[in-house]
């Protein structure tokens, strides 16, 4: 199968192209230099030149706090850009996968969000524009996957794990938010699932993260525990203290959801394998990066 992947320079797009290639699919990765998703003419030309059988749309504006200051620009990328792709996919009868986010929900309570829960109430500009991207896909296509992910980390790019490891080298004490709950997601594991899905016609909305729940504080503690176990003593309890704080003590420009628990039962109902535990993913990830 020939598959077009947007956002190839990002954490997820990079791994998706690698996974497609591993399975002998023809992967064509593009970023803004090859296809500006905000320019309908560019999208129309590139997709028609490539003639893919599927599009996996990973490209997005993901700088959450910065998005609050650039509403129009973010909407152009996350909503209008997604609609441009969806329209060409509809014209050419190509299936499309749109990578969305837990931020489309209001993040209240302690229940698990269901993939087909239509009560989406984003808290910030990033979440709102990704929600608008979901609507663009739903309103233009029948052959689509919407896959919501959360707390992403991959080899290619910046993420929470790399940030924690860098801070841990230069500080002997860190404070990390403890009242936001979710599931980390390793792009290597996620890419395998996304390719499993795109090989089928089991369309619809899904949630995909590694298994298990944690707070950002628990995530950080596990990162340092495993790094120390690998011989990096600068991260052990004698050298580094990590203390929990509430989100209210750690103000940010964009409001974050406190509840990012997402139900993944729909994956198993459709024959897709759940991802490994997030702790196992952290262990494998740490062996792949230099720190």
C-alpha atoms as a PDB file:
ATOM      1  CA  UNK A   1       0.000   0.000   0.000  1.00  0.00           C
ATOM      2  CA  UNK A   2       1.211   3.520  -0.754  1.00  0.00           C
ATOM      3  CA  UNK A   3       0.664   5.770   2.278  1.00  0.00           C
ATOM      4  CA  UNK A   4       1.231   9.517   2.553  1.00  0.00           C
ATOM      5  CA  UNK A   5       2.352  10.628   6.032  1.00  0.00           C
ATOM      6  CA  UNK A   6       2.237  14.302   7.010  1.00  0.00           C
ATOM      7  CA  UNK A   7       4.466  15.770   9.707  1.00  0.00           C
ATOM      8  CA  UNK A   8       7.354  13.415   8.953  1.00  0.00           C
ATOM      9  CA  UNK A   9       9.777  15.595  10.927  1.00  0.00           C
ATOM     10  CA  UNK A  10       7.778  15.132  14.119  1.00  0.00           C
ATOM     11  CA  UNK A  11       8.046  12.389  16.733  1.00  0.00           C
ATOM     12  CA  UNK A  12       5.124  10.337  15.454  1.00  0.00           C
ATOM     13  CA  UNK A  13       5.382  10.943  11.706  1.00  0.00           C
ATOM     14  CA  UNK A  14       9.009   9.806  11.814  1.00  0.00           C
ATOM     15  CA  UNK A  15       8.103   6.492  13.474  1.00  0.00           C
ATOM     16  CA  UNK A  16       5.042   5.891  11.290  1.00  0.00           C
ATOM     17  CA  UNK A  17       7.136   6.152   8.118  1.00  0.00           C
ATOM     18  CA  UNK A  18       9.689   3.739   9.595  1.00  0.00           C
ATOM     19  CA  UNK A  19       6.971   1.237  10.536  1.00  0.00           C
ATOM     20  CA  UNK A  20       5.304   1.399   7.114  1.00  0.00           C
ATOM     21  CA  UNK A  21       8.671   0.829   5.466  1.00  0.00           C
ATOM     22  CA  UNK A  22       9.404  -2.105   7.790  1.00  0.00           C
ATOM     23  CA  UNK A  23       6.204  -3.749   6.547  1.00  0.00           C
ATOM     24  CA  UNK A  24       7.063  -3.182   2.898  1.00  0.00           C
ATOM     25  CA  UNK A  25       4.481  -0.468   2.353  1.00  0.00           C
ATOM     26  CA  UNK A  26       5.485   2.497   0.203  1.00  0.00           C
ATOM     27  CA  UNK A  27       5.678   5.368   2.683  1.00  0.00           C
ATOM     28  CA  UNK A  28       5.881   8.944   1.417  1.00  0.00           C
ATOM     29  CA  UNK A  29       6.665  11.355   4.240  1.00  0.00           C
ATOM     30  CA  UNK A  30       6.090  15.084   3.797  1.00  0.00           C
ATOM     31  CA  UNK A  31       6.488  18.161   5.946  1.00  0.00           C
ATOM     32  CA  UNK A  32       5.795  21.822   5.297  1.00  0.00           C
ATOM     33  CA  UNK A  33       8.597  22.089   2.719  1.00  0.00           C
ATOM     34  CA  UNK A  34       6.950  19.452   0.490  1.00  0.00           C
ATOM     35  CA  UNK A  35       3.284  20.153   1.275  1.00  0.00           C
ATOM     36  CA  UNK A  36       1.930  23.200   3.081  1.00  0.00           C
ATOM     37  CA  UNK A  37      -1.316  21.839   4.531  1.00  0.00           C
ATOM     38  CA  UNK A  38      -2.687  25.364   4.999  1.00  0.00           C
ATOM     39  CA  UNK A  39      -2.517  25.910   1.212  1.00  0.00           C
ATOM     40  CA  UNK A  40      -5.299  24.025  -0.567  1.00  0.00           C
ATOM     41  CA  UNK A  41      -3.498  24.227  -3.916  1.00  0.00           C
ATOM     42  CA  UNK A  42      -0.382  22.658  -2.397  1.00  0.00           C
ATOM     43  CA  UNK A  43      -2.389  19.863  -0.747  1.00  0.00           C
ATOM     44  CA  UNK A  44      -4.343  19.166  -3.934  1.00  0.00           C
ATOM     45  CA  UNK A  45      -1.218  19.077  -6.104  1.00  0.00           C
ATOM     46  CA  UNK A  46       0.922  16.890  -3.817  1.00  0.00           C
ATOM     47  CA  UNK A  47      -1.723  14.299  -2.995  1.00  0.00           C
ATOM     48  CA  UNK A  48      -2.725  13.995  -6.653  1.00  0.00           C
ATOM     49  CA  UNK A  49       0.926  13.616  -7.669  1.00  0.00           C
ATOM     50  CA  UNK A  50       1.586  10.918  -5.074  1.00  0.00           C
ATOM     51  CA  UNK A  51      -1.727   9.092  -5.558  1.00  0.00           C
ATOM     52  CA  UNK A  52      -1.655   7.328  -2.167  1.00  0.00           C
ATOM     53  CA  UNK A  53      -4.154   4.722  -1.053  1.00  0.00           C
ATOM     54  CA  UNK A  54      -4.227   6.238   2.436  1.00  0.00           C
ATOM     55  CA  UNK A  55      -3.159   9.369   4.284  1.00  0.00           C
ATOM     56  CA  UNK A  56      -1.957   9.365   7.902  1.00  0.00           C
ATOM     57  CA  UNK A  57      -2.178  12.973   9.034  1.00  0.00           C
ATOM     58  CA  UNK A  58       0.281  13.562  11.892  1.00  0.00           C
ATOM     59  CA  UNK A  59       1.165  17.201  11.170  1.00  0.00           C
ATOM     60  CA  UNK A  60      -0.217  19.695  13.684  1.00  0.00           C
ATOM     61  CA  UNK A  61       0.475  22.765  15.750  1.00  0.00           C
ATOM     62  CA  UNK A  62       1.256  21.177  19.134  1.00  0.00           C
ATOM     63  CA  UNK A  63       2.801  24.041  21.154  1.00  0.00           C
ATOM     64  CA  UNK A  64      -0.084  24.264  23.633  1.00  0.00           C
ATOM     65  CA  UNK A  65       0.765  27.459  25.531  1.00  0.00           C
ATOM     66  CA  UNK A  66       1.983  29.313  22.445  1.00  0.00           C
ATOM     67  CA  UNK A  67      -1.303  28.468  20.721  1.00  0.00           C
ATOM     68  CA  UNK A  68      -3.134  30.834  23.082  1.00  0.00           C
ATOM     69  CA  UNK A  69      -1.325  33.776  21.441  1.00  0.00           C
ATOM     70  CA  UNK A  70      -1.727  32.643  17.826  1.00  0.00           C
ATOM     71  CA  UNK A  71      -5.340  31.522  17.559  1.00  0.00           C
ATOM     72  CA  UNK A  72      -5.796  32.229  13.848  1.00  0.00           C
ATOM     73  CA  UNK A  73      -2.510  30.609  12.872  1.00  0.00           C
ATOM     74  CA  UNK A  74      -3.205  27.504  14.974  1.00  0.00           C
ATOM     75  CA  UNK A  75      -6.719  27.173  13.535  1.00  0.00           C
ATOM     76  CA  UNK A  76      -5.284  27.460  10.031  1.00  0.00           C
ATOM     77  CA  UNK A  77      -2.980  24.500  10.693  1.00  0.00           C
ATOM     78  CA  UNK A  78      -5.096  22.215  12.879  1.00  0.00           C
ATOM     79  CA  UNK A  79      -8.564  22.848  11.463  1.00  0.00           C
ATOM     80  CA  UNK A  80      -8.287  24.325   7.950  1.00  0.00           C
ATOM     81  CA  UNK A  81      -5.208  22.258   7.094  1.00  0.00           C
ATOM     82  CA  UNK A  82      -6.976  19.066   8.135  1.00  0.00           C
ATOM     83  CA  UNK A  83     -10.048  20.009   6.122  1.00  0.00           C
ATOM     84  CA  UNK A  84      -7.897  20.619   3.036  1.00  0.00           C
ATOM     85  CA  UNK A  85      -6.555  17.071   3.268  1.00  0.00           C
ATOM     86  CA  UNK A  86      -9.983  15.602   3.980  1.00  0.00           C
ATOM     87  CA  UNK A  87     -11.483  17.276   0.902  1.00  0.00           C
ATOM     88  CA  UNK A  88      -8.843  15.838  -1.423  1.00  0.00           C
ATOM     89  CA  UNK A  89      -9.191  12.416   0.199  1.00  0.00           C
ATOM     90  CA  UNK A  90     -12.938  12.582  -0.417  1.00  0.00           C
ATOM     91  CA  UNK A  91     -12.448  13.563  -4.055  1.00  0.00           C
ATOM     92  CA  UNK A  92      -9.990  10.709  -4.668  1.00  0.00           C
ATOM     93  CA  UNK A  93     -11.792   8.181  -2.412  1.00  0.00           C
ATOM     94  CA  UNK A  94      -8.710   7.778  -0.176  1.00  0.00           C
ATOM     95  CA  UNK A  95      -8.995   6.659   3.439  1.00  0.00           C
ATOM     96  CA  UNK A  96      -7.646   9.113   5.991  1.00  0.00           C
ATOM     97  CA  UNK A  97      -6.303   8.787   9.516  1.00  0.00           C
ATOM     98  CA  UNK A  98      -6.336  11.922  11.655  1.00  0.00           C
ATOM     99  CA  UNK A  99      -4.227  12.012  14.810  1.00  0.00           C
ATOM    100  CA  UNK A 100      -6.112  13.897  17.513  1.00  0.00           C
ATOM    101  CA  UNK A 101      -5.700  14.431  21.241  1.00  0.00           C
ATOM    102  CA  UNK A 102      -7.125  13.945  24.732  1.00  0.00           C
ATOM    103  CA  UNK A 103      -7.341  17.762  24.829  1.00  0.00           C
ATOM    104  CA  UNK A 104     -10.631  17.671  22.878  1.00  0.00           C
ATOM    105  CA  UNK A 105     -12.325  16.758  26.184  1.00  0.00           C
ATOM    106  CA  UNK A 106     -12.897  19.081  29.129  1.00  0.00           C
ATOM    107  CA  UNK A 107     -10.738  16.918  31.392  1.00  0.00           C
ATOM    108  CA  UNK A 108     -13.105  16.978  34.374  1.00  0.00           C
ATOM    109  CA  UNK A 109     -14.017  14.130  36.725  1.00  0.00           C
ATOM    110  CA  UNK A 110     -12.369  10.729  37.022  1.00  0.00           C
ATOM    111  CA  UNK A 111     -14.258   8.677  34.420  1.00  0.00           C
ATOM    112  CA  UNK A 112     -12.753   7.255  31.242  1.00  0.00           C
ATOM    113  CA  UNK A 113     -13.568   9.210  28.085  1.00  0.00           C
ATOM    114  CA  UNK A 114     -15.133   7.047  25.376  1.00  0.00           C
ATOM    115  CA  UNK A 115     -14.002   7.401  21.726  1.00  0.00           C
ATOM    116  CA  UNK A 116     -17.557   8.068  20.546  1.00  0.00           C
ATOM    117  CA  UNK A 117     -18.436  10.464  23.356  1.00  0.00           C
ATOM    118  CA  UNK A 118     -19.685  13.494  21.444  1.00  0.00           C
ATOM    119  CA  UNK A 119     -19.590  15.744  24.503  1.00  0.00           C
ATOM    120  CA  UNK A 120     -16.275  17.282  23.553  1.00  0.00           C
ATOM    121  CA  UNK A 121     -15.566  20.561  25.365  1.00  0.00           C
ATOM    122  CA  UNK A 122     -11.944  21.627  24.838  1.00  0.00           C
ATOM    123  CA  UNK A 123     -10.298  23.804  27.484  1.00  0.00           C
ATOM    124  CA  UNK A 124      -7.789  25.630  25.299  1.00  0.00           C
ATOM    125  CA  UNK A 125      -7.014  26.824  21.768  1.00  0.00           C
ATOM    126  CA  UNK A 126      -4.982  23.728  20.901  1.00  0.00           C
ATOM    127  CA  UNK A 127      -7.781  21.392  21.993  1.00  0.00           C
ATOM    128  CA  UNK A 128     -10.463  23.470  20.275  1.00  0.00           C
ATOM    129  CA  UNK A 129      -8.647  23.549  16.940  1.00  0.00           C
ATOM    130  CA  UNK A 130      -7.898  19.811  17.073  1.00  0.00           C
ATOM    131  CA  UNK A 131     -11.607  19.260  17.763  1.00  0.00           C
ATOM    132  CA  UNK A 132     -12.424  21.384  14.722  1.00  0.00           C
ATOM    133  CA  UNK A 133     -10.043  19.146  12.773  1.00  0.00           C
ATOM    134  CA  UNK A 134     -12.031  16.121  13.932  1.00  0.00           C
ATOM    135  CA  UNK A 135     -15.233  17.748  12.689  1.00  0.00           C
ATOM    136  CA  UNK A 136     -13.618  18.499   9.326  1.00  0.00           C
ATOM    137  CA  UNK A 137     -12.768  14.814   8.918  1.00  0.00           C
ATOM    138  CA  UNK A 138     -16.180  13.586  10.088  1.00  0.00           C
ATOM    139  CA  UNK A 139     -18.064  16.036   7.879  1.00  0.00           C
ATOM    140  CA  UNK A 140     -16.112  15.265   4.703  1.00  0.00           C
ATOM    141  CA  UNK A 141     -15.398  11.543   4.846  1.00  0.00           C
ATOM    142  CA  UNK A 142     -16.874   8.141   5.574  1.00  0.00           C
ATOM    143  CA  UNK A 143     -13.577   6.252   5.316  1.00  0.00           C
ATOM    144  CA  UNK A 144     -11.709   7.776   8.240  1.00  0.00           C
ATOM    145  CA  UNK A 145      -9.945   6.941  11.472  1.00  0.00           C
ATOM    146  CA  UNK A 146      -9.739   9.539  14.241  1.00  0.00           C
ATOM    147  CA  UNK A 147      -7.135   8.387  16.761  1.00  0.00           C
ATOM    148  CA  UNK A 148      -6.759  10.371  19.978  1.00  0.00           C
ATOM    149  CA  UNK A 149      -3.402  10.101  21.704  1.00  0.00           C
ATOM    150  CA  UNK A 150      -1.839  11.677  24.818  1.00  0.00           C
ATOM    151  CA  UNK A 151       1.445  12.427  26.588  1.00  0.00           C
ATOM    152  CA  UNK A 152       3.537  11.473  23.574  1.00  0.00           C
ATOM    153  CA  UNK A 153       7.255  10.698  23.611  1.00  0.00           C
ATOM    154  CA  UNK A 154       9.492   9.549  20.774  1.00  0.00           C
ATOM    155  CA  UNK A 155      13.117   9.474  19.729  1.00  0.00           C
ATOM    156  CA  UNK A 156      12.673  12.230  17.147  1.00  0.00           C
ATOM    157  CA  UNK A 157      11.910  15.520  18.875  1.00  0.00           C
ATOM    158  CA  UNK A 158      11.239  17.151  22.251  1.00  0.00           C
ATOM    159  CA  UNK A 159       9.099  15.542  24.947  1.00  0.00           C
ATOM    160  CA  UNK A 160       8.535  15.257  28.700  1.00  0.00           C
ATOM    161  CA  UNK A 161      11.089  12.491  29.234  1.00  0.00           C
ATOM    162  CA  UNK A 162      13.891  14.431  27.542  1.00  0.00           C
ATOM    163  CA  UNK A 163      12.918  17.561  29.472  1.00  0.00           C
ATOM    164  CA  UNK A 164      12.986  15.708  32.805  1.00  0.00           C
ATOM    165  CA  UNK A 165      16.333  14.079  32.060  1.00  0.00           C
ATOM    166  CA  UNK A 166      17.867  17.434  31.130  1.00  0.00           C
ATOM    167  CA  UNK A 167      16.481  19.166  34.232  1.00  0.00           C
ATOM    168  CA  UNK A 168      17.595  16.298  36.445  1.00  0.00           C
ATOM    169  CA  UNK A 169      21.200  16.842  35.388  1.00  0.00           C
ATOM    170  CA  UNK A 170      21.239  20.463  36.520  1.00  0.00           C
ATOM    171  CA  UNK A 171      18.939  20.416  39.581  1.00  0.00           C
ATOM    172  CA  UNK A 172      18.922  18.528  42.861  1.00  0.00           C
ATOM    173  CA  UNK A 173      15.226  19.196  43.415  1.00  0.00           C
ATOM    174  CA  UNK A 174      12.287  19.270  40.981  1.00  0.00           C
ATOM    175  CA  UNK A 175       8.559  19.855  41.430  1.00  0.00           C
ATOM    176  CA  UNK A 176       6.131  18.100  39.085  1.00  0.00           C
ATOM    177  CA  UNK A 177       2.336  18.329  38.787  1.00  0.00           C
ATOM    178  CA  UNK A 178       0.542  15.489  40.571  1.00  0.00           C
ATOM    179  CA  UNK A 179      -3.161  16.174  39.938  1.00  0.00           C
ATOM    180  CA  UNK A 180      -3.359  15.621  36.186  1.00  0.00           C
ATOM    181  CA  UNK A 181      -3.897  11.961  35.307  1.00  0.00           C
ATOM    182  CA  UNK A 182      -3.321  10.266  31.957  1.00  0.00           C
ATOM    183  CA  UNK A 183      -1.351   7.672  30.025  1.00  0.00           C
ATOM    184  CA  UNK A 184       2.036   8.205  28.358  1.00  0.00           C
ATOM    185  CA  UNK A 185       2.355   7.095  24.734  1.00  0.00           C
ATOM    186  CA  UNK A 186       5.541   5.865  23.048  1.00  0.00           C
ATOM    187  CA  UNK A 187       5.484   6.732  19.344  1.00  0.00           C
ATOM    188  CA  UNK A 188       7.281   3.496  18.412  1.00  0.00           C
ATOM    189  CA  UNK A 189       4.447   1.433  19.925  1.00  0.00           C
ATOM    190  CA  UNK A 190       1.786   3.789  18.608  1.00  0.00           C
ATOM    191  CA  UNK A 191       3.152   3.689  15.054  1.00  0.00           C
ATOM    192  CA  UNK A 192       2.783  -0.092  14.983  1.00  0.00           C
ATOM    193  CA  UNK A 193      -0.853   0.185  16.042  1.00  0.00           C
ATOM    194  CA  UNK A 194      -1.611   2.948  13.524  1.00  0.00           C
ATOM    195  CA  UNK A 195      -0.240   0.823  10.683  1.00  0.00           C
ATOM    196  CA  UNK A 196      -2.258  -2.159  11.953  1.00  0.00           C
ATOM    197  CA  UNK A 197      -5.330   0.074  11.724  1.00  0.00           C
ATOM    198  CA  UNK A 198      -4.653   1.666   8.337  1.00  0.00           C
ATOM    199  CA  UNK A 199      -4.299  -1.820   6.843  1.00  0.00           C
ATOM    200  CA  UNK A 200      -7.992  -2.396   7.664  1.00  0.00           C
ATOM    201  CA  UNK A 201     -11.323  -0.742   6.953  1.00  0.00           C
ATOM    202  CA  UNK A 202     -12.402  -0.705  10.621  1.00  0.00           C
ATOM    203  CA  UNK A 203     -13.111   3.008  10.498  1.00  0.00           C
ATOM    204  CA  UNK A 204     -14.165   5.255  13.357  1.00  0.00           C
ATOM    205  CA  UNK A 205     -12.889   7.055  16.438  1.00  0.00           C
ATOM    206  CA  UNK A 206     -10.336   5.379  18.695  1.00  0.00           C
ATOM    207  CA  UNK A 207      -8.139   6.102  21.681  1.00  0.00           C
ATOM    208  CA  UNK A 208      -4.550   4.865  21.678  1.00  0.00           C
ATOM    209  CA  UNK A 209      -2.038   5.195  24.517  1.00  0.00           C
ATOM    210  CA  UNK A 210       0.230   2.828  26.370  1.00  0.00           C
ATOM    211  CA  UNK A 211      -1.535   0.878  29.115  1.00  0.00           C
ATOM    212  CA  UNK A 212      -1.773   2.165  32.670  1.00  0.00           C
ATOM    213  CA  UNK A 213      -2.407   5.515  34.325  1.00  0.00           C
ATOM    214  CA  UNK A 214      -0.172   7.973  36.158  1.00  0.00           C
ATOM    215  CA  UNK A 215       0.236  11.597  37.101  1.00  0.00           C
ATOM    216  CA  UNK A 216       3.010  13.700  35.623  1.00  0.00           C
ATOM    217  CA  UNK A 217       4.734  13.391  39.011  1.00  0.00           C
ATOM    218  CA  UNK A 218       4.544   9.579  38.903  1.00  0.00           C
ATOM    219  CA  UNK A 219       5.739   9.649  35.295  1.00  0.00           C
ATOM    220  CA  UNK A 220       8.777  11.719  36.289  1.00  0.00           C
ATOM    221  CA  UNK A 221       9.580   9.478  39.280  1.00  0.00           C
ATOM    222  CA  UNK A 222       9.521   6.391  37.051  1.00  0.00           C
ATOM    223  CA  UNK A 223      11.773   8.055  34.474  1.00  0.00           C
ATOM    224  CA  UNK A 224      14.373   8.854  37.130  1.00  0.00           C
ATOM    225  CA  UNK A 225      14.049   5.449  38.809  1.00  0.00           C
ATOM    226  CA  UNK A 226      14.710   3.635  35.564  1.00  0.00           C
ATOM    227  CA  UNK A 227      17.509   5.997  34.504  1.00  0.00           C
ATOM    228  CA  UNK A 228      19.230   5.472  37.865  1.00  0.00           C
ATOM    229  CA  UNK A 229      18.819   1.694  37.515  1.00  0.00           C
ATOM    230  CA  UNK A 230      20.650   1.953  34.188  1.00  0.00           C
ATOM    231  CA  UNK A 231      23.661   3.410  35.986  1.00  0.00           C
ATOM    232  CA  UNK A 232      22.923   7.123  35.741  1.00  0.00           C
ATOM    233  CA  UNK A 233      23.434   7.859  39.425  1.00  0.00           C
ATOM    234  CA  UNK A 234      22.744  11.585  39.009  1.00  0.00           C
ATOM    235  CA  UNK A 235      19.059  10.638  38.940  1.00  0.00           C
ATOM    236  CA  UNK A 236      18.974   8.471  42.068  1.00  0.00           C
ATOM    237  CA  UNK A 237      17.286   9.477  45.320  1.00  0.00           C
ATOM    238  CA  UNK A 238      20.576  10.631  46.894  1.00  0.00           C
ATOM    239  CA  UNK A 239      21.189  13.173  44.140  1.00  0.00           C
ATOM    240  CA  UNK A 240      17.693  14.216  43.043  1.00  0.00           C
ATOM    241  CA  UNK A 241      14.477  14.901  44.947  1.00  0.00           C
ATOM    242  CA  UNK A 242      11.140  15.079  43.117  1.00  0.00           C
ATOM    243  CA  UNK A 243       8.205  16.677  44.904  1.00  0.00           C
ATOM    244  CA  UNK A 244       4.533  16.677  43.862  1.00  0.00           C
ATOM    245  CA  UNK A 245       2.683  19.966  43.372  1.00  0.00           C
ATOM    246  CA  UNK A 246      -0.835  20.817  42.259  1.00  0.00           C
ATOM    247  CA  UNK A 247      -1.464  22.323  38.838  1.00  0.00           C
ATOM    248  CA  UNK A 248      -2.674  25.492  40.572  1.00  0.00           C
ATOM    249  CA  UNK A 249       0.866  25.975  41.913  1.00  0.00           C
ATOM    250  CA  UNK A 250       2.274  25.601  38.413  1.00  0.00           C
ATOM    251  CA  UNK A 251       0.332  28.124  36.329  1.00  0.00           C
ATOM    252  CA  UNK A 252       0.453  27.906  32.548  1.00  0.00           C
ATOM    253  CA  UNK A 253      -1.069  30.054  29.831  1.00  0.00           C
ATOM    254  CA  UNK A 254      -3.281  27.250  28.506  1.00  0.00           C
ATOM    255  CA  UNK A 255      -5.563  25.357  30.868  1.00  0.00           C
ATOM    256  CA  UNK A 256      -4.769  21.631  30.957  1.00  0.00           C
ATOM    257  CA  UNK A 257      -7.218  18.756  31.551  1.00  0.00           C
ATOM    258  CA  UNK A 258      -6.918  17.097  34.972  1.00  0.00           C
ATOM    259  CA  UNK A 259      -8.553  13.903  33.679  1.00  0.00           C
ATOM    260  CA  UNK A 260      -7.072  12.360  30.530  1.00  0.00           C
ATOM    261  CA  UNK A 261      -8.254   8.815  31.245  1.00  0.00           C
ATOM    262  CA  UNK A 262      -9.250   7.386  27.859  1.00  0.00           C
ATOM    263  CA  UNK A 263     -11.103   4.135  27.241  1.00  0.00           C
ATOM    264  CA  UNK A 264      -9.385   1.801  24.768  1.00  0.00           C
ATOM    265  CA  UNK A 265     -11.918  -1.030  24.774  1.00  0.00           C
ATOM    266  CA  UNK A 266     -12.869  -0.183  21.198  1.00  0.00           C
ATOM    267  CA  UNK A 267      -9.389  -1.269  20.074  1.00  0.00           C
ATOM    268  CA  UNK A 268      -9.823  -4.798  21.407  1.00  0.00           C
ATOM    269  CA  UNK A 269     -13.438  -4.939  20.212  1.00  0.00           C
ATOM    270  CA  UNK A 270     -12.112  -4.405  16.684  1.00  0.00           C
ATOM    271  CA  UNK A 271      -9.274  -6.897  16.966  1.00  0.00           C
ATOM    272  CA  UNK A 272      -6.412  -4.484  17.588  1.00  0.00           C
ATOM    273  CA  UNK A 273      -3.772  -5.271  20.220  1.00  0.00           C
ATOM    274  CA  UNK A 274      -3.418  -2.904  23.166  1.00  0.00           C
ATOM    275  CA  UNK A 275      -0.042  -1.210  23.616  1.00  0.00           C
ATOM    276  CA  UNK A 276       2.388  -2.391  26.309  1.00  0.00           C
ATOM    277  CA  UNK A 277       2.444  -0.736  29.739  1.00  0.00           C
ATOM    278  CA  UNK A 278       3.788   2.793  29.876  1.00  0.00           C
ATOM    279  CA  UNK A 279       6.493   1.705  32.325  1.00  0.00           C
ATOM    280  CA  UNK A 280       7.739  -0.895  29.837  1.00  0.00           C
ATOM    281  CA  UNK A 281       7.648   1.737  27.103  1.00  0.00           C
ATOM    282  CA  UNK A 282       9.785   4.093  29.213  1.00  0.00           C
ATOM    283  CA  UNK A 283      12.315   1.299  29.796  1.00  0.00           C
ATOM    284  CA  UNK A 284      12.654   0.555  26.092  1.00  0.00           C
ATOM    285  CA  UNK A 285      12.717   4.243  25.180  1.00  0.00           C
ATOM    286  CA  UNK A 286      15.592   4.998  27.547  1.00  0.00           C
ATOM    287  CA  UNK A 287      17.719   2.386  25.776  1.00  0.00           C
ATOM    288  CA  UNK A 288      17.146   4.232  22.474  1.00  0.00           C
ATOM    289  CA  UNK A 289      18.259   7.731  23.456  1.00  0.00           C
ATOM    290  CA  UNK A 290      21.492   9.297  24.670  1.00  0.00           C
ATOM    291  CA  UNK A 291      21.392  11.064  28.010  1.00  0.00           C
END
